[in-house]
Protein backbone atom coordinates (compact mmCIF):
# COMPACT_ATOMS: atom_id res chain seq x y z
CA UNK A 1 -14.27 -15.40 -5.87
CA UNK A 2 -17.16 -13.04 -5.42
CA UNK A 3 -17.05 -9.30 -5.03
CA UNK A 4 -17.73 -9.76 -1.33
CA UNK A 5 -14.59 -11.80 -1.08
CA UNK A 6 -12.47 -9.04 -2.53
CA UNK A 7 -13.96 -6.54 -0.12
CA UNK A 8 -13.29 -8.90 2.82
CA UNK A 9 -9.72 -9.47 1.97
CA UNK A 10 -8.78 -5.84 2.52
CA UNK A 11 -11.13 -5.33 5.37
CA UNK A 12 -8.32 -5.17 7.93
CA UNK A 13 -6.64 -2.26 6.18
CA UNK A 14 -8.11 0.69 8.09
CA UNK A 15 -4.88 0.01 10.08
CA UNK A 16 -2.92 1.55 7.21
CA UNK A 17 -3.61 5.20 8.33
CA UNK A 18 -2.13 4.24 11.69
CA UNK A 19 1.01 3.14 9.91
CA UNK A 20 1.03 6.39 8.11
CA UNK A 21 1.15 8.20 11.40
CA UNK A 22 4.39 6.33 12.19
CA UNK A 23 5.74 7.19 8.79
CA UNK A 24 5.14 10.87 9.51
CA UNK A 25 7.37 10.95 12.55
CA UNK A 26 10.83 12.45 12.59
CA UNK A 27 13.97 10.40 12.08
CA UNK A 28 14.06 8.08 15.04
CA UNK A 29 17.72 7.20 14.64
CA UNK A 30 18.65 10.66 15.94
CA UNK A 31 17.06 9.78 19.31
CA UNK A 32 18.85 6.42 19.61
CA UNK A 33 22.09 6.38 21.50
CA UNK A 34 22.84 2.87 20.36
CA UNK A 35 21.39 0.10 18.15
CA UNK A 36 18.96 -2.16 19.89
CA UNK A 37 20.64 -5.50 20.82
CA UNK A 38 19.77 -8.44 18.64
CA UNK A 39 17.79 -10.32 21.30
CA UNK A 40 15.58 -7.29 22.01
CA UNK A 41 15.05 -6.84 18.27
CA UNK A 42 13.75 -10.44 18.08
CA UNK A 43 11.37 -9.78 20.96
CA UNK A 44 10.00 -6.68 19.20
CA UNK A 45 9.53 -8.60 15.96
CA UNK A 46 7.76 -11.40 17.76
CA UNK A 47 5.44 -8.94 19.43
CA UNK A 48 4.45 -7.40 16.08
CA UNK A 49 3.96 -10.72 14.41
CA UNK A 50 1.97 -12.19 17.29
CA UNK A 51 -0.23 -9.11 17.50
CA UNK A 52 -0.90 -9.09 13.79
CA UNK A 53 -1.58 -12.79 13.33
CA UNK A 54 -3.54 -12.95 16.59
CA UNK A 55 -5.89 -10.20 15.50
CA UNK A 56 -6.34 -11.80 12.11
CA UNK A 57 -7.13 -15.17 13.73
CA UNK A 58 -9.69 -13.77 16.06
CA UNK A 59 -11.36 -11.67 13.47
CA UNK A 60 -11.21 -14.47 10.84
CA UNK A 61 -12.84 -17.02 13.14
CA UNK A 62 -15.51 -14.54 14.16
CA UNK A 63 -16.33 -12.97 10.77
CA UNK A 64 -14.65 -14.87 7.95
CA UNK A 65 -15.42 -18.52 8.81
CA UNK A 66 -11.75 -19.39 9.26
CA UNK A 67 -11.10 -23.15 9.85
CA UNK A 68 -14.58 -24.01 8.60
CA UNK A 69 -13.36 -26.26 5.77
CA UNK A 70 -10.26 -28.01 4.46
CA UNK A 71 -7.65 -25.66 2.91
CA UNK A 72 -7.96 -24.87 -0.77
CA UNK A 73 -6.48 -22.47 -3.25
CA UNK A 74 -7.55 -20.75 -6.47
CA UNK A 75 -6.41 -18.53 -9.22
CA UNK A 76 -8.29 -15.21 -9.42
CA UNK A 77 -6.54 -13.78 -12.47
CA UNK A 78 -4.84 -10.43 -12.80
CA UNK A 79 -6.02 -7.44 -14.84
CA UNK A 80 -8.38 -9.08 -17.27
CA UNK A 81 -11.66 -7.53 -18.29
CA UNK A 82 -13.65 -10.38 -16.69
CA UNK A 83 -11.91 -10.58 -13.38
CA UNK A 84 -13.82 -9.55 -10.28
CA UNK A 85 -12.25 -6.07 -9.95
CA UNK A 86 -10.29 -5.64 -13.11
CA UNK A 87 -7.07 -5.99 -11.23
CA UNK A 88 -7.69 -2.99 -8.93
CA UNK A 89 -7.83 -5.41 -5.99
CA UNK A 90 -4.35 -6.72 -6.79
CA UNK A 91 -2.96 -3.20 -6.80
CA UNK A 92 -4.84 -2.69 -3.58
CA UNK A 93 -2.89 -5.55 -2.09
CA UNK A 94 0.41 -4.28 -3.50
CA UNK A 95 -0.16 -0.77 -2.15
CA UNK A 96 -1.47 -1.93 1.24
CA UNK A 97 1.54 -4.16 1.86
CA UNK A 98 3.87 -1.43 0.62
CA UNK A 99 2.28 1.15 2.98
CA UNK A 100 2.29 -1.35 5.91
CA UNK A 101 5.98 -2.23 5.23
CA UNK A 102 6.89 1.46 5.27
CA UNK A 103 4.99 2.06 8.53
CA UNK A 104 6.44 -0.88 10.33
CA UNK A 105 9.94 0.10 9.06
CA UNK A 106 9.56 3.51 10.71
CA UNK A 107 8.25 1.90 13.83
CA UNK A 108 11.32 -0.34 14.02
CA UNK A 109 13.58 2.71 13.58
CA UNK A 110 11.78 4.26 16.59
CA UNK A 111 12.77 1.09 18.48
CA UNK A 112 16.40 1.71 17.49
CA UNK A 113 16.86 -0.84 14.74
CA UNK A 114 19.39 0.22 12.18
CA UNK A 115 17.80 1.79 9.03
CA UNK A 116 18.72 -1.20 6.94
CA UNK A 117 17.30 -3.72 9.45
CA UNK A 118 14.22 -1.58 9.95
CA UNK A 119 13.63 -1.59 6.13
CA UNK A 120 14.18 -5.33 5.83
CA UNK A 121 12.09 -6.35 8.86
CA UNK A 122 9.36 -3.88 8.07
CA UNK A 123 8.97 -5.49 4.64
CA UNK A 124 9.20 -9.10 5.96
CA UNK A 125 6.77 -8.37 8.81
CA UNK A 126 4.11 -6.93 6.52
CA UNK A 127 4.52 -9.73 4.03
CA UNK A 128 4.22 -12.32 6.79
CA UNK A 129 1.11 -10.82 8.37
CA UNK A 130 -0.66 -10.41 5.03
CA UNK A 131 0.54 -13.85 4.00
CA UNK A 132 -0.98 -15.34 7.14
CA UNK A 133 -4.28 -13.75 6.13
CA UNK A 134 -4.15 -15.68 2.86
CA UNK A 135 -3.41 -18.91 4.75
CA UNK A 136 -6.45 -18.17 6.90
CA UNK A 137 -8.49 -17.61 3.71
CA UNK A 138 -7.56 -21.11 2.59
CA UNK A 139 -9.48 -22.58 5.48
CA UNK A 140 -12.61 -20.62 4.52
CA UNK A 141 -14.84 -20.24 1.46
CA UNK A 142 -12.57 -17.44 0.18
CA UNK A 143 -9.62 -19.66 -0.64
CA UNK A 144 -5.92 -18.97 -0.91
CA UNK A 145 -5.09 -16.59 -3.78
CA UNK A 146 -1.75 -16.94 -5.57
CA UNK A 147 -2.10 -13.50 -7.21
CA UNK A 148 -2.68 -11.82 -3.84
CA UNK A 149 0.53 -13.30 -2.42
CA UNK A 150 2.49 -12.24 -5.46
CA UNK A 151 1.07 -8.69 -5.23
CA UNK A 152 1.93 -8.63 -1.59
CA UNK A 153 5.50 -9.66 -2.37
CA UNK A 154 5.86 -6.87 -4.92
CA UNK A 155 4.63 -4.28 -2.46
CA UNK A 156 7.01 -5.38 0.30
CA UNK A 157 9.99 -5.58 -2.08
CA UNK A 158 9.23 -2.06 -3.38
CA UNK A 159 9.10 -0.78 0.17
CA UNK A 160 12.40 -2.37 1.05
CA UNK A 161 14.29 -0.92 -1.99
CA UNK A 162 12.84 2.49 -1.61
CA UNK A 163 13.86 2.47 2.01
CA UNK A 164 17.46 1.42 1.56
CA UNK A 165 17.98 3.73 -1.39
CA UNK A 166 16.81 7.17 -0.24
CA UNK A 167 18.01 8.71 -3.44
CA UNK A 168 15.50 6.52 -5.23
CA UNK A 169 12.70 7.40 -2.77
CA UNK A 170 13.35 11.07 -3.51
CA UNK A 171 12.33 10.38 -7.09
CA UNK A 172 9.58 7.75 -6.92
CA UNK A 173 6.40 7.40 -4.90
CA UNK A 174 3.79 4.67 -4.91
CA UNK A 175 0.41 6.22 -4.12
CA UNK A 176 -3.30 5.60 -3.71
CA UNK A 177 -5.89 8.14 -4.72
CA UNK A 178 -9.39 8.11 -3.25
CA UNK A 179 -11.84 10.29 -5.06
CA UNK A 180 -14.23 12.90 -3.77
CA UNK A 181 -17.45 10.96 -4.39
CA UNK A 182 -17.32 7.87 -2.18
CA UNK A 183 -19.40 4.89 -3.32
CA UNK A 184 -19.57 2.97 -0.07
CA UNK A 185 -18.68 3.14 3.62
CA UNK A 186 -15.71 0.76 3.25
CA UNK A 187 -13.42 3.19 1.50
CA UNK A 188 -10.53 0.77 1.50
CA UNK A 189 -12.13 -1.47 -1.08
CA UNK A 190 -14.05 1.25 -2.94
CA UNK A 191 -12.21 0.48 -6.18
CA UNK A 192 -14.84 2.39 -8.16
CA UNK A 193 -13.46 5.54 -6.59
CA UNK A 194 -9.79 4.58 -6.32
CA UNK A 195 -6.69 4.98 -8.44
CA UNK A 196 -3.24 3.51 -7.91
CA UNK A 197 -0.19 5.20 -9.37
CA UNK A 198 3.56 5.64 -9.49
CA UNK A 199 4.75 9.26 -9.33
CA UNK A 200 8.10 10.48 -10.67
CA UNK A 201 9.04 13.59 -8.61
CA UNK A 202 11.15 16.15 -10.47
CA UNK A 203 12.42 17.44 -7.12
CA UNK A 204 14.49 14.36 -6.75
CA UNK A 205 16.66 15.24 -9.78
CA UNK A 206 19.51 17.67 -9.44
CA UNK A 207 18.61 19.48 -12.61
CA UNK A 208 15.28 20.57 -11.12
CA UNK A 209 16.06 21.13 -7.50
CA UNK A 210 16.44 24.95 -7.72
CA UNK A 211 13.71 25.95 -10.14
CA UNK A 212 10.00 26.04 -10.13
CA UNK A 213 9.90 22.65 -11.89
CA UNK A 214 10.73 20.98 -8.60
CA UNK A 215 7.00 21.28 -7.79
CA UNK A 216 6.14 19.16 -10.79
CA UNK A 217 5.80 15.40 -11.13
CA UNK A 218 4.79 12.75 -13.71
CA UNK A 219 2.23 10.07 -13.07
CA UNK A 220 1.57 6.57 -14.41
CA UNK A 221 -1.64 5.18 -13.01
CA UNK A 222 -4.32 2.50 -13.29
CA UNK A 223 -8.04 2.48 -12.55
CA UNK A 224 -10.98 0.12 -12.98
CA UNK A 225 -14.62 1.28 -13.15
CA UNK A 226 -18.00 -0.34 -13.22
CA UNK A 227 -17.11 -3.61 -11.47
CA UNK A 228 -19.03 -2.86 -8.27
CA UNK A 229 -22.24 -1.99 -10.13
CA UNK A 230 -23.80 -4.71 -12.33
CA UNK A 231 -25.67 -2.05 -14.30
CA UNK A 232 -22.39 -0.43 -15.53
CA UNK A 233 -19.93 -1.50 -18.20
CA UNK A 234 -16.65 -2.75 -16.81
CA UNK A 235 -13.72 -0.53 -17.83
CA UNK A 236 -10.01 -0.59 -17.21
CA UNK A 237 -7.70 2.28 -17.97
CA UNK A 238 -4.07 3.35 -17.86
CA UNK A 239 -3.25 7.05 -17.61
CA UNK A 240 -0.35 9.42 -17.84
CA UNK A 241 -0.43 12.59 -15.81
CA UNK A 242 1.36 15.82 -14.99
CA UNK A 243 0.79 17.06 -11.46
CA UNK A 244 1.63 19.33 -8.63
CA UNK A 245 3.93 17.81 -6.06
CA UNK A 246 2.10 18.52 -2.79
CA UNK A 247 4.86 16.66 -0.86
CA UNK A 248 7.46 19.09 -2.14
CA UNK A 249 5.22 22.09 -1.62
CA UNK A 250 4.56 21.17 2.00
CA UNK A 251 8.18 20.28 2.60
CA UNK A 252 9.37 23.64 1.33
CA UNK A 253 6.97 25.35 3.74
CA UNK A 254 8.14 23.42 6.73
CA UNK A 255 5.23 21.04 7.06
CA UNK A 256 7.31 17.86 6.96
CA UNK A 257 4.69 15.39 8.38
CA UNK A 258 2.08 16.56 5.88
CA UNK A 259 4.63 16.32 3.12
CA UNK A 260 5.35 12.72 4.02
CA UNK A 261 1.62 11.87 3.96
CA UNK A 262 1.46 13.02 0.30
CA UNK A 263 4.25 10.59 -0.55
CA UNK A 264 1.57 7.90 -0.03
CA UNK A 265 -1.75 9.64 -0.85
CA UNK A 266 -2.57 11.31 -4.15
CA UNK A 267 -5.02 14.25 -3.71
CA UNK A 268 -7.68 14.41 -6.46
CA UNK A 269 -7.69 17.49 -8.69
CA UNK A 270 -3.96 18.24 -8.53
CA UNK A 271 -2.99 16.90 -11.91
CA UNK A 272 -4.10 16.61 -15.51
CA UNK A 273 -4.11 13.27 -17.41
CA UNK A 274 -4.48 11.56 -20.74
CA UNK A 275 -6.19 8.22 -20.42
CA UNK A 276 -6.04 5.02 -22.47
CA UNK A 277 -8.96 2.56 -22.04
CA UNK A 278 -7.82 -1.05 -22.23
CA UNK A 279 -9.55 -3.56 -24.50
CA UNK A 280 -10.14 -7.25 -23.93
């Protein structure tokens, strides 16, 4: 698969900030007098799936050559030095489906699904829509990617478990960082300027809830550099970091929607790291 293919695969993901806006709303269950009946839930789910797959079909036929050839599949590799994006694209899939699952879960809560059902159907809906995109790819030059589907599954599963176990979500975030020097207009696939990380928030632990350490967090992250520029050396790195918890800072000052945003987005320059470059 070429670099263009990777960039195309995530081209639909400017929708993710819209899902973030749903995630930044207040608890919808408080406004629901009763749980939405099962038949109405099914109608809502069908609406989301039809809208998602319909948009992908229209866009895929118009721009991605869907249904232009017989279906085929291929293995793209994972985090190897000589893959197209050093694995950053796979983490991009994981994070994007995670964020979409979270956003759809909050949307379903607004529609008066129970929290458990909202978490489950949010994860399944996002996985289904992104999975349909891979099926569409199989009928084009891009091809169906096994690795993308697995990454999508990990993202949706992570969303489900962090949603049904709030005590776990208080401790762990999955985040995307986008740097301060954009390399291209399509920021969603600007892996040269992106990092993906898991943050462990000290505020989620009873021992740190009352002291200043509640504003601290630990990071484990991954980045790939040089893959978008043939003149540069391809590099992949893991890093450990210690950072300022902006989500906790904004939450303590009453800015709850902004605090929720920083559960998903890592602001550059708010942490220090030690980095380990990976060899072949």
